[in-house]
């Protein structure tokens, strides 16, 4: 085995390790983004239902 094989292996290991860390960080960011998106969608749905029920109480939909 020559002397350049070990540094190449170490360099490859470092590159793979760095890539794995980047993928892990990307997964965490995507997870947080998904959580924020779902939270926002639930809030939007709750607000829309509030508007609908408010309009129903005012008789807009029932014409009373």
Protein backbone atom coordinates (compact mmCIF):
# COMPACT_ATOMS: atom_id res chain seq x y z
CA UNK A 1 0.00 0.00 0.00
CA UNK A 2 1.47 3.36 -0.93
CA UNK A 3 1.39 6.52 1.16
CA UNK A 4 -1.30 8.27 -0.87
CA UNK A 5 -3.97 5.63 -0.29
CA UNK A 6 -4.56 6.48 3.37
CA UNK A 7 -5.01 10.24 2.80
CA UNK A 8 -7.40 9.47 -0.08
CA UNK A 9 -9.42 7.17 2.15
CA UNK A 10 -9.45 9.73 4.94
CA UNK A 11 -10.48 12.42 2.48
CA UNK A 12 -13.27 10.20 1.15
CA UNK A 13 -14.39 9.42 4.69
CA UNK A 14 -14.42 13.12 5.57
CA UNK A 15 -16.42 13.94 2.45
CA UNK A 16 -18.98 11.20 3.17
CA UNK A 17 -19.19 12.24 6.82
CA UNK A 18 -19.74 15.87 5.81
CA UNK A 19 -22.40 14.82 3.32
CA UNK A 20 -24.18 12.77 5.99
CA UNK A 21 -24.17 15.76 8.35
CA UNK A 22 -25.59 17.97 5.59
CA UNK A 23 -28.35 15.44 4.86
CA UNK A 24 -29.16 15.18 8.58
CA UNK A 25 -29.39 18.98 8.85
CA UNK A 26 -31.57 19.11 5.73
CA UNK A 27 -33.92 16.52 7.20
CA UNK A 28 -34.22 18.53 10.42
CA UNK A 29 -34.98 21.70 8.48
CA UNK A 30 -37.58 19.96 6.34
CA UNK A 31 -39.18 18.49 9.46
CA UNK A 32 -39.43 21.94 11.07
CA UNK A 33 -40.80 23.38 7.84
CA UNK A 34 -43.45 20.64 7.65
CA UNK A 35 -44.45 21.27 11.26
CA UNK A 36 -44.81 25.00 10.60
CA UNK A 37 -46.80 24.33 7.45
CA UNK A 38 -49.22 21.96 9.19
CA UNK A 39 -49.62 24.36 12.10
CA UNK A 40 -50.39 27.16 9.66
CA UNK A 41 -52.90 25.02 7.79
CA UNK A 42 -54.70 24.10 11.01
CA UNK A 43 -54.88 27.77 12.01
CA UNK A 44 -56.22 28.68 8.58
CA UNK A 45 -58.85 25.95 8.80
CA UNK A 46 -59.85 27.06 12.30
CA UNK A 47 -60.20 30.65 11.12
CA UNK A 48 -62.27 29.64 8.10
CA UNK A 49 -64.59 27.58 10.28
CA UNK A 50 -64.91 30.52 12.65
CA UNK A 51 -65.95 32.76 9.77
CA UNK A 52 -68.47 30.21 8.51
CA UNK A 53 -70.05 29.74 11.94
CA UNK A 54 -70.14 33.48 12.49
CA UNK A 55 -71.93 33.97 9.18
CA UNK A 56 -74.36 31.18 10.04
CA UNK A 57 -75.13 32.86 13.38
CA UNK A 58 -75.78 36.15 11.60
CA UNK A 59 -78.18 34.39 9.24
CA UNK A 60 -76.23 35.12 6.07
CA UNK A 61 -76.49 31.54 4.85
CA UNK A 62 -80.00 30.92 6.16
CA UNK A 63 -81.51 34.27 5.05
CA UNK A 64 -83.40 34.72 8.35
